[in-house]
Amino acid sequence: MKHLTVEEFAKKVGLSARSIRNYCVQGRIEGAFQKGKTWLIPENAEKPERNGKDFLDKDELANAKELIDFINNSPNAFFAIDNVKKILLGAGYKEYFEHSPEKLNVGDKVFFIRNGTSLVALNIGEDTKPSFHVIAAHTDSPCFKIKPESDSKCDVYNKINLAPYGGMIASTWFDRPLSIAGRVVVDKGEEIEQTLIDLKDVTVMIPNLCIHFNREINSGYAYNMAVDLQAFISQEKSGAPLKELIAKRLKIAKEDIVNFDLYLYNKEEGLLWGADKEYISAPRLDDLECVFAGAKAFANSDNKNAINVLYLSDNEEVGSSSRQGADSDALKVILGRVCKDLGLDYEKSVANSFLISADNAHAVHPNKPGITDSDNKAYMNKGIAIKFNAAQTYTSDALSSAVFQKICDNVNVPYQFFTNRSDLRGGGTLGNILLSHISFSSVDIGLPQLAMHSSYETAGSKDLSYAIKAFKEFYEDSIDIEGNKYRITK
């Protein structure tokens, strides 16, 4: 069948090319598919009607609301992993432990959690070939970690001693309702026990200095993390108010608190906004949006010919160099265990495998459009961004990108290409760090967003569903490597 370009079809049906392109992205032209940046439309396709259809369809709206609930209930990496665990248990998965002797078998659906903040989940196909289909995302976001000796005082105020975690936009943490969540380790006599705690009904604040005392605040100000960005919790209380609050919440003696990993988080809940609910705004979109999309796709897909893997790592925002980060042996150990238990050759299995490194991307900014590359730029609600960098801070190359493009084309998911402007240094993600331990073929992708590393970020409502759809297709496809060729089939 002959296919027309957007411009050719627009001329044929008497609509603007922009309208036709939007209809293609919204799935309103049957048979239309994207090849690179170009949409191709069957010659016999019918003219789409201006029927006032909502910007988000029923499934897209449901996914967006589910993401907001997931983020609202995931104030930090501990809770994000706990909520993914609930998703997996609900889908019939079992939790295994790295130190336990259970042998992995064909047909198993299992997951391992390391240190409470990273996870490796496996769906071992019934006719498994030596091949891993891996989606990787990170569970942490820039925030403030509370120091072990946390209670301090200044004048009449009870303060909390904080250390910055990750490369945050510091100004976005001032004058917002913040709270505290994380892990507390408790002395139980002969045992020590860890428990999660979220003090969501408690508010702490980092106050700005008024403009009358800092006239240069709007001309550029260098924040001192040890001075300007310290929170206060109460006034004129003696002792250790925070520890006492934790003890009361856990119904234990203050002396039974051995230590904790606690973080501040933004209490503001996520929301959908825009004239047509085009946007999602929430804390921690980077990278809980990809965590949620990966977990949802993984839990709702099967592949009898491959081993599907969901890898969620911690500490990406501070370099990944921890036992639960991508620069650890976490994934390599589990995949080695799979190969040993199933009698597969590890090196050949890795050579036959493919990794999608999923971490959000930068969208064109409405007030600073020139800051992005003039040709390789991503817009919210226009599809998944495939990320490239000449300095190899992203893992994508022409071949790995082509594999992902083909997967997207097979389910009519739009995609875009993103690179930084050549005179600006970009960021990196967990993909290359992970590849220093396991040499997968790999592509780096992300969902376009604004204000990355702000305490409150914005992304496109439709792109979440594009990711879930593409990830599910990836988990259900067979990707066969024959010499220099890739064959992608159901």
Protein backbone atom coordinates (compact mmCIF):
# COMPACT_ATOMS: atom_id res chain seq x y z
CA MET A 1 0.00 0.00 0.00
CA LYS A 2 1.20 3.48 -0.84
CA HIS A 3 1.80 5.85 2.07
CA LEU A 4 1.62 9.64 2.08
CA THR A 5 3.62 12.18 4.06
CA VAL A 6 1.86 14.47 6.52
CA GLU A 7 2.00 17.32 4.01
CA GLU A 8 0.61 15.18 1.16
CA PHE A 9 -2.23 13.83 3.29
CA ALA A 10 -3.02 17.29 4.69
CA LYS A 11 -3.35 18.68 1.17
CA LYS A 12 -5.53 15.74 0.16
CA VAL A 13 -8.04 16.16 3.02
CA GLY A 14 -7.92 19.95 3.25
CA LEU A 15 -6.44 20.31 6.75
CA SER A 16 -3.23 21.87 8.01
CA ALA A 17 -0.10 19.74 8.28
CA ARG A 18 0.11 20.67 11.97
CA SER A 19 -3.39 19.27 12.60
CA ILE A 20 -2.58 16.05 10.75
CA ARG A 21 0.66 15.63 12.69
CA ASN A 22 -1.21 16.08 15.98
CA TYR A 23 -3.86 13.57 14.88
CA CYS A 24 -1.09 11.07 14.11
CA VAL A 25 0.47 11.51 17.57
CA GLN A 26 -2.98 11.11 19.17
CA GLY A 27 -3.62 7.88 17.23
CA ARG A 28 -6.61 9.31 15.40
CA ILE A 29 -5.52 8.27 11.89
CA GLU A 30 -5.76 4.52 11.48
CA GLY A 31 -2.63 2.89 10.10
CA ALA A 32 -0.39 5.96 10.49
CA PHE A 33 3.09 5.20 11.79
CA GLN A 34 6.26 7.11 12.48
CA LYS A 35 9.52 6.48 10.68
CA GLY A 36 12.27 8.56 12.21
CA LYS A 37 10.76 12.03 12.55
CA THR A 38 8.33 11.48 9.66
CA TRP A 39 4.78 10.20 9.89
CA LEU A 40 3.57 7.98 7.04
CA ILE A 41 -0.17 7.66 6.42
CA PRO A 42 -1.99 5.02 4.32
CA GLU A 43 -3.24 6.56 1.08
CA ASN A 44 -6.77 5.27 1.77
CA ALA A 45 -6.92 6.57 5.37
CA GLU A 46 -10.05 8.52 6.20
CA LYS A 47 -10.07 12.18 7.07
CA PRO A 48 -10.07 12.57 10.87
CA GLU A 49 -13.03 14.43 12.27
CA ARG A 50 -12.72 17.40 14.60
CA ASN A 51 -14.88 15.65 17.14
CA GLY A 52 -13.68 17.44 20.25
CA LYS A 53 -11.95 14.33 21.56
CA ASP A 54 -10.21 14.85 24.87
CA PHE A 55 -6.44 15.36 24.73
CA LEU A 56 -5.99 12.35 27.00
CA ASP A 57 -7.89 9.15 26.29
CA LYS A 58 -9.25 7.01 29.11
CA ASP A 59 -6.12 4.88 29.50
CA GLU A 60 -3.76 7.85 29.33
CA LEU A 61 -5.71 9.66 32.01
CA ALA A 62 -5.74 6.56 34.22
CA ASN A 63 -1.97 6.08 33.81
CA ALA A 64 -1.30 9.74 34.66
CA LYS A 65 -3.42 9.57 37.82
CA GLU A 66 -1.78 6.28 38.82
CA LEU A 67 1.67 7.86 38.41
CA ILE A 68 0.67 10.79 40.63
CA ASP A 69 -0.54 8.37 43.32
CA PHE A 70 2.71 6.40 43.02
CA ILE A 71 4.82 9.54 43.46
CA ASN A 72 2.68 10.90 46.29
CA ASN A 73 3.28 7.63 48.14
CA SER A 74 7.00 7.47 47.29
CA PRO A 75 8.71 10.29 49.20
CA ASN A 76 12.12 8.71 48.59
CA ALA A 77 13.86 5.59 47.23
CA PHE A 78 12.88 3.37 50.18
CA PHE A 79 9.20 3.95 49.53
CA ALA A 80 9.55 3.80 45.75
CA ILE A 81 11.00 0.31 46.02
CA ASP A 82 8.37 -0.70 48.56
CA ASN A 83 5.62 0.45 46.17
CA VAL A 84 7.19 -1.38 43.21
CA LYS A 85 7.34 -4.44 45.46
CA LYS A 86 3.58 -4.17 46.00
CA ILE A 87 3.02 -3.93 42.23
CA LEU A 88 5.10 -7.07 41.65
CA LEU A 89 3.50 -9.05 44.47
CA GLY A 90 0.11 -8.15 43.02
CA ALA A 91 1.25 -9.54 39.66
CA GLY A 92 2.27 -12.90 41.15
CA TYR A 93 5.98 -12.29 41.77
CA LYS A 94 7.85 -13.68 44.79
CA GLU A 95 10.62 -12.00 46.77
CA TYR A 96 13.93 -13.86 46.99
CA PHE A 97 16.99 -12.83 48.99
CA GLU A 98 20.57 -12.74 47.74
CA HIS A 99 21.79 -14.70 50.76
CA SER A 100 19.09 -17.39 50.44
CA PRO A 101 19.69 -20.74 48.70
CA GLU A 102 16.62 -20.81 46.41
CA LYS A 103 17.45 -22.01 42.92
CA LEU A 104 15.99 -20.10 39.98
CA ASN A 105 13.95 -22.12 37.50
CA VAL A 106 12.30 -21.71 34.12
CA GLY A 107 8.97 -19.93 34.52
CA ASP A 108 9.94 -18.16 37.77
CA LYS A 109 8.75 -14.64 38.48
CA VAL A 110 10.93 -13.27 41.29
CA PHE A 111 12.61 -10.13 42.56
CA PHE A 112 15.55 -9.25 44.80
CA ILE A 113 15.89 -6.06 46.85
CA ARG A 114 19.28 -4.72 47.94
CA ASN A 115 19.55 -2.39 50.93
CA GLY A 116 15.94 -1.30 50.61
CA THR A 117 16.47 1.08 47.67
CA SER A 118 17.38 -1.03 44.62
CA LEU A 119 15.63 -3.95 42.95
CA VAL A 120 16.23 -6.61 40.32
CA ALA A 121 13.10 -8.39 39.07
CA LEU A 122 13.12 -11.40 36.73
CA ASN A 123 10.48 -12.99 34.53
CA ILE A 124 12.09 -16.18 33.22
CA GLY A 125 10.38 -17.35 30.02
CA GLU A 126 9.26 -20.95 29.57
CA ASP A 127 11.32 -21.46 26.38
CA THR A 128 14.14 -19.22 27.48
CA LYS A 129 16.90 -18.37 25.05
CA PRO A 130 20.15 -16.92 26.36
CA SER A 131 18.88 -13.34 26.22
CA PHE A 132 18.06 -10.62 28.77
CA HIS A 133 15.63 -7.79 28.02
CA VAL A 134 16.53 -5.13 30.61
CA ILE A 135 14.94 -1.80 31.50
CA ALA A 136 16.92 0.23 34.03
CA ALA A 137 15.85 3.37 35.91
CA HIS A 138 16.90 5.04 39.17
CA THR A 139 14.89 5.50 42.35
CA ASP A 140 16.59 8.53 43.92
CA SER A 141 16.08 12.26 43.40
CA PRO A 142 17.97 15.35 44.64
CA CYS A 143 16.95 16.26 48.19
CA PHE A 144 18.39 16.72 51.69
CA LYS A 145 19.69 13.92 53.90
CA ILE A 146 19.40 14.35 57.66
CA LYS A 147 22.69 13.91 59.50
CA PRO A 148 22.98 11.25 62.27
CA GLU A 149 23.21 13.88 65.01
CA SER A 150 20.25 15.71 63.61
CA ASP A 151 18.89 17.95 66.34
CA SER A 152 20.49 21.37 66.58
CA LYS A 153 19.44 24.74 67.90
CA CYS A 154 19.84 28.38 66.91
CA ASP A 155 18.52 31.00 69.28
CA VAL A 156 14.96 29.85 70.11
CA TYR A 157 14.57 27.61 67.05
CA ASN A 158 14.96 23.83 66.92
CA LYS A 159 16.70 23.00 63.66
CA ILE A 160 17.50 19.87 61.67
CA ASN A 161 21.09 19.40 60.50
CA LEU A 162 20.99 18.69 56.76
CA ALA A 163 23.39 17.64 54.01
CA PRO A 164 22.57 18.17 50.31
CA TYR A 165 21.98 15.01 48.28
CA GLY A 166 22.48 15.36 44.52
CA GLY A 167 22.54 18.39 42.23
CA MET A 168 19.36 20.16 43.25
CA ILE A 169 18.01 23.57 42.22
CA ALA A 170 18.45 24.97 45.71
CA SER A 171 16.06 27.91 45.42
CA THR A 172 13.08 25.57 44.85
CA TRP A 173 13.36 24.17 48.38
CA PHE A 174 12.68 27.44 50.18
CA ASP A 175 9.32 28.30 51.74
CA ARG A 176 7.66 25.01 50.81
CA PRO A 177 5.96 22.48 53.10
CA LEU A 178 8.56 19.74 53.62
CA SER A 179 8.45 16.55 55.61
CA ILE A 180 10.66 13.62 56.60
CA ALA A 181 10.74 9.99 55.48
CA GLY A 182 13.11 7.07 55.26
CA ARG A 183 14.45 4.15 57.24
CA VAL A 184 14.97 3.85 61.00
CA VAL A 185 17.09 1.09 62.55
CA VAL A 186 15.78 -0.02 65.94
CA ASP A 187 17.46 -2.01 68.73
CA LYS A 188 15.33 -5.06 69.54
CA GLY A 189 17.66 -6.65 72.06
CA GLU A 190 19.42 -9.51 70.28
CA GLU A 191 18.28 -8.17 66.89
CA ILE A 192 18.36 -4.90 65.04
CA GLU A 193 15.33 -4.19 62.90
CA GLN A 194 14.75 -1.68 60.13
CA THR A 195 11.40 -0.02 59.55
CA LEU A 196 10.12 2.62 57.13
CA ILE A 197 8.71 5.85 58.48
CA ASP A 198 6.92 8.75 56.80
CA LEU A 199 6.18 11.75 59.02
CA LYS A 200 3.79 13.15 56.40
CA ASP A 201 1.61 14.92 58.97
CA VAL A 202 4.71 16.80 60.23
CA THR A 203 5.87 19.92 58.38
CA VAL A 204 9.32 21.47 58.45
CA MET A 205 10.44 24.55 56.53
CA ILE A 206 13.53 26.14 55.01
CA PRO A 207 12.76 29.89 55.16
CA ASN A 208 14.10 32.45 52.74
CA LEU A 209 15.84 35.53 54.04
CA CYS A 210 13.59 38.51 53.32
CA ILE A 211 14.55 40.77 50.43
CA HIS A 212 15.08 43.68 52.84
CA PHE A 213 18.06 41.81 54.33
CA ASN A 214 19.28 40.46 50.99
CA ARG A 215 18.75 43.09 48.30
CA GLU A 216 20.79 41.09 45.74
CA ILE A 217 18.64 37.95 45.94
CA ASN A 218 17.15 38.58 42.47
CA SER A 219 20.50 39.48 40.92
CA GLY A 220 22.09 36.12 41.61
CA TYR A 221 22.94 34.68 44.99
CA ALA A 222 25.34 31.87 45.94
CA TYR A 223 23.57 29.71 48.50
CA ASN A 224 25.64 28.29 51.35
CA MET A 225 24.29 24.80 52.04
CA ALA A 226 25.50 24.81 55.63
CA VAL A 227 23.89 28.18 56.40
CA ASP A 228 21.05 29.05 54.04
CA LEU A 229 19.57 25.59 53.53
CA GLN A 230 18.94 24.29 57.02
CA ALA A 231 15.39 23.47 58.12
CA PHE A 232 13.64 24.23 61.39
CA ILE A 233 10.97 22.10 63.01
CA SER A 234 9.89 23.76 66.25
CA GLN A 235 10.62 26.43 68.85
CA GLU A 236 11.98 26.41 72.40
CA LYS A 237 11.95 22.66 72.87
CA SER A 238 14.63 20.98 74.95
CA GLY A 239 16.30 17.65 74.22
CA ALA A 240 16.14 16.12 70.73
CA PRO A 241 12.73 16.97 69.23
CA LEU A 242 13.16 15.02 65.97
CA LYS A 243 14.33 11.81 67.61
CA GLU A 244 11.61 12.11 70.19
CA LEU A 245 9.05 12.55 67.43
CA ILE A 246 10.36 9.43 65.65
CA ALA A 247 10.31 7.40 68.87
CA LYS A 248 6.75 8.46 69.62
CA ARG A 249 5.62 7.56 66.09
CA LEU A 250 7.26 4.11 66.28
CA LYS A 251 6.13 3.58 69.89
CA ILE A 252 9.66 2.90 71.12
CA ALA A 253 12.08 4.52 73.54
CA LYS A 254 14.31 7.20 72.06
CA GLU A 255 17.34 5.20 73.24
CA ASP A 256 16.24 2.28 71.01
CA ILE A 257 16.91 4.29 67.86
CA VAL A 258 20.28 2.97 66.66
CA ASN A 259 20.50 5.12 63.55
CA PHE A 260 18.51 6.18 60.51
CA ASP A 261 18.58 7.10 56.81
CA LEU A 262 16.10 9.98 56.72
CA TYR A 263 15.49 12.59 54.02
CA LEU A 264 13.47 15.75 53.55
CA TYR A 265 10.90 15.68 50.77
CA ASN A 266 8.47 18.13 49.20
CA LYS A 267 4.98 17.48 50.57
CA GLU A 268 3.19 19.12 47.64
CA GLU A 269 1.19 16.50 45.76
CA GLY A 270 1.29 15.89 42.04
CA LEU A 271 -1.39 17.25 39.73
CA LEU A 272 -2.59 17.35 36.14
CA TRP A 273 -2.91 20.81 34.67
CA GLY A 274 -3.16 22.79 31.45
CA ALA A 275 -6.21 23.61 29.33
CA ASP A 276 -6.53 19.92 28.39
CA LYS A 277 -4.59 18.36 31.28
CA GLU A 278 -1.54 18.27 29.03
CA TYR A 279 0.96 18.36 31.88
CA ILE A 280 1.90 16.41 34.97
CA SER A 281 3.65 18.31 37.73
CA ALA A 282 5.01 16.56 40.81
CA PRO A 283 8.11 16.16 42.93
CA ARG A 284 10.60 13.45 41.88
CA LEU A 285 9.44 12.99 38.28
CA ASP A 286 13.12 12.43 37.58
CA ASP A 287 13.22 9.47 37.69
CA LEU A 288 10.10 8.00 39.32
CA GLU A 289 8.21 8.50 36.06
CA CYS A 290 10.47 5.97 34.33
CA VAL A 291 10.48 3.73 37.43
CA PHE A 292 6.69 3.61 37.35
CA ALA A 293 6.48 3.11 33.57
CA GLY A 294 9.04 0.32 33.69
CA ALA A 295 7.37 -1.44 36.64
CA LYS A 296 3.90 -1.22 35.10
CA ALA A 297 5.08 -2.57 31.74
CA PHE A 298 7.14 -5.31 33.39
CA ALA A 299 4.31 -6.50 35.65
CA ASN A 300 1.88 -6.69 32.72
CA SER A 301 3.99 -8.50 30.12
CA ASP A 302 5.45 -11.94 29.43
CA ASN A 303 8.04 -13.28 27.03
CA LYS A 304 8.45 -17.03 26.78
CA ASN A 305 11.62 -16.68 24.67
CA ALA A 306 13.66 -14.35 26.88
CA ILE A 307 14.37 -13.34 30.44
CA ASN A 308 12.74 -10.00 31.18
CA VAL A 309 14.56 -7.88 33.75
CA LEU A 310 13.56 -4.74 35.62
CA TYR A 311 16.55 -3.07 37.28
CA LEU A 312 15.95 -0.14 39.62
CA SER A 313 19.10 1.31 41.16
CA ASP A 314 19.76 3.93 43.80
CA ASN A 315 22.26 6.77 44.17
CA GLU A 316 22.38 7.79 40.49
CA GLU A 317 22.18 11.43 41.55
CA VAL A 318 25.46 11.11 43.49
CA GLY A 319 27.46 8.91 41.11
CA SER A 320 26.01 5.40 41.65
CA SER A 321 29.06 4.27 43.64
CA SER A 322 27.30 2.31 46.38
CA ARG A 323 26.37 -1.34 46.86
CA GLN A 324 22.85 -0.47 45.71
CA GLY A 325 23.95 1.76 42.81
CA ALA A 326 24.53 1.00 39.13
CA ASP A 327 28.29 1.04 39.75
CA SER A 328 27.95 -2.03 41.97
CA ASP A 329 27.81 -5.74 41.16
CA ALA A 330 24.05 -5.95 41.94
CA LEU A 331 22.74 -6.73 38.47
CA LYS A 332 25.77 -8.77 37.42
CA VAL A 333 25.45 -11.02 40.48
CA ILE A 334 21.78 -11.75 39.86
CA LEU A 335 22.18 -12.38 36.13
CA GLY A 336 25.14 -14.65 36.85
CA ARG A 337 23.00 -16.57 39.31
CA VAL A 338 20.26 -16.96 36.67
CA CYS A 339 22.71 -18.34 34.11
CA LYS A 340 24.26 -20.73 36.60
CA ASP A 341 20.91 -22.08 37.79
CA LEU A 342 19.49 -22.46 34.26
CA GLY A 343 22.68 -23.79 32.68
CA LEU A 344 23.10 -20.79 30.35
CA ASP A 345 26.38 -19.36 29.15
CA TYR A 346 26.69 -15.94 30.83
CA GLU A 347 28.90 -14.26 28.22
CA LYS A 348 26.74 -15.41 25.30
CA SER A 349 23.57 -14.42 27.15
CA VAL A 350 24.89 -10.89 27.71
CA ALA A 351 26.00 -10.65 24.07
CA ASN A 352 22.44 -11.54 22.99
CA SER A 353 20.83 -9.01 25.35
CA PHE A 354 19.54 -5.44 25.13
CA LEU A 355 19.28 -2.66 27.72
CA ILE A 356 16.98 0.36 27.78
CA SER A 357 18.47 2.94 30.16
CA ALA A 358 15.44 5.05 31.08
CA ASP A 359 15.99 8.45 32.69
CA ASN A 360 14.01 11.58 31.88
CA ALA A 361 15.16 14.06 29.23
CA HIS A 362 15.12 17.84 28.87
CA ALA A 363 12.16 19.35 27.01
CA VAL A 364 12.33 22.63 25.11
CA HIS A 365 11.71 25.39 27.67
CA PRO A 366 8.91 27.86 26.85
CA ASN A 367 10.96 30.83 28.09
CA LYS A 368 14.40 29.64 26.94
CA PRO A 369 13.89 27.74 23.66
CA GLY A 370 17.35 28.66 22.40
CA ILE A 371 19.11 26.75 25.16
CA THR A 372 18.43 23.45 23.36
CA ASP A 373 19.97 22.18 20.12
CA SER A 374 18.21 23.72 17.12
CA ASP A 375 17.60 20.37 15.41
CA ASN A 376 17.79 17.63 18.04
CA LYS A 377 15.29 18.74 20.65
CA ALA A 378 12.38 17.16 22.49
CA TYR A 379 8.93 18.49 23.29
CA MET A 380 6.53 17.30 25.98
CA ASN A 381 3.66 15.14 24.66
CA LYS A 382 5.49 14.48 21.38
CA GLY A 383 6.96 11.10 22.25
CA ILE A 384 9.92 9.39 23.87
CA ALA A 385 13.30 11.14 23.60
CA ILE A 386 16.19 8.99 22.36
CA LYS A 387 19.30 10.58 23.86
CA PHE A 388 22.70 10.91 22.15
CA ASN A 389 26.00 12.45 23.25
CA ALA A 390 29.23 12.55 21.26
CA ALA A 391 31.22 12.23 24.51
CA GLN A 392 29.37 8.97 25.25
CA THR A 393 27.62 10.13 28.41
CA TYR A 394 24.62 8.31 26.88
CA THR A 395 24.82 4.76 25.54
CA SER A 396 22.79 5.27 22.35
CA ASP A 397 24.37 4.73 18.94
CA ALA A 398 22.82 4.39 15.48
CA LEU A 399 22.27 0.64 15.82
CA SER A 400 20.86 0.55 19.34
CA SER A 401 18.65 3.52 18.52
CA ALA A 402 17.38 1.74 15.40
CA VAL A 403 16.34 -1.26 17.52
CA PHE A 404 14.35 0.97 19.87
CA GLN A 405 12.90 2.97 16.97
CA LYS A 406 11.67 -0.27 15.40
CA ILE A 407 10.03 -1.30 18.69
CA CYS A 408 8.26 2.08 18.87
CA ASP A 409 7.20 1.89 15.22
CA ASN A 410 5.64 -1.53 15.80
CA VAL A 411 3.17 -0.04 18.30
CA ASN A 412 2.84 3.46 16.80
CA VAL A 413 4.68 5.20 19.63
CA PRO A 414 6.23 8.53 18.55
CA TYR A 415 9.85 9.31 19.38
CA GLN A 416 12.25 12.25 19.12
CA PHE A 417 16.03 12.67 19.13
CA PHE A 418 17.75 14.71 21.82
CA THR A 419 21.29 16.01 22.09
CA ASN A 420 22.66 18.93 24.05
CA ARG A 421 23.77 22.05 22.28
CA SER A 422 27.42 21.61 21.32
CA ASP A 423 28.59 24.44 23.57
CA LEU A 424 26.84 23.12 26.68
CA ARG A 425 27.89 20.17 28.81
CA GLY A 426 25.03 17.73 29.40
CA GLY A 427 24.35 15.28 32.17
CA GLY A 428 24.73 11.53 32.24
CA THR A 429 22.77 8.67 33.67
CA LEU A 430 23.12 5.11 34.93
CA GLY A 431 23.43 3.48 31.49
CA ASN A 432 27.15 3.96 30.88
CA ILE A 433 27.99 3.22 34.51
CA LEU A 434 26.10 -0.06 34.29
CA LEU A 435 27.80 -0.94 30.98
CA SER A 436 31.19 -0.73 32.66
CA HIS A 437 30.14 -3.92 34.49
CA ILE A 438 27.95 -5.66 31.86
CA SER A 439 28.48 -4.98 28.16
CA PHE A 440 24.91 -4.88 26.88
CA SER A 441 23.81 -3.35 23.63
CA SER A 442 22.05 -0.29 24.99
CA VAL A 443 20.00 2.80 24.23
CA ASP A 444 19.40 5.79 26.50
CA ILE A 445 15.88 7.22 26.45
CA GLY A 446 13.80 9.55 28.58
CA LEU A 447 10.50 11.36 28.83
CA PRO A 448 10.81 15.10 28.11
CA GLN A 449 10.36 17.30 31.18
CA LEU A 450 10.97 20.81 32.48
CA ALA A 451 12.79 21.97 35.61
CA MET A 452 14.79 18.77 36.11
CA HIS A 453 16.20 18.66 39.67
CA SER A 454 13.71 21.20 40.94
CA SER A 455 11.75 20.15 44.01
CA TYR A 456 8.67 20.26 41.72
CA GLU A 457 8.98 19.23 38.06
CA THR A 458 6.76 19.14 34.96
CA ALA A 459 6.33 16.58 32.16
CA GLY A 460 3.86 15.75 29.39
CA SER A 461 0.80 13.71 30.34
CA LYS A 462 0.75 11.62 27.14
CA ASP A 463 4.43 10.62 27.17
CA LEU A 464 3.97 8.37 30.19
CA SER A 465 1.59 6.13 28.25
CA TYR A 466 3.92 6.15 25.24
CA ALA A 467 6.68 4.80 27.51
CA ILE A 468 4.48 2.10 29.06
CA LYS A 469 3.37 0.98 25.58
CA ALA A 470 6.92 0.88 24.17
CA PHE A 471 8.33 -0.84 27.27
CA LYS A 472 5.63 -3.49 27.14
CA GLU A 473 6.37 -4.14 23.48
CA PHE A 474 10.08 -4.47 24.31
CA TYR A 475 9.31 -7.00 27.04
CA GLU A 476 7.10 -9.04 24.69
CA ASP A 477 9.37 -9.02 21.60
CA SER A 478 12.09 -11.43 20.60
CA ILE A 479 15.31 -9.63 19.66
CA ASP A 480 17.57 -12.00 17.75
CA ILE A 481 21.09 -11.03 16.80
CA GLU A 482 22.39 -12.75 13.68
CA GLY A 483 25.90 -11.57 12.86
CA ASN A 484 25.52 -7.84 12.26
CA LYS A 485 21.73 -7.98 11.95
CA TYR A 486 18.95 -7.58 14.50
CA ARG A 487 15.60 -9.29 13.97
CA ILE A 488 12.71 -8.02 16.13
CA THR A 489 9.63 -10.22 16.20
CA LYS A 490 6.72 -11.04 18.50
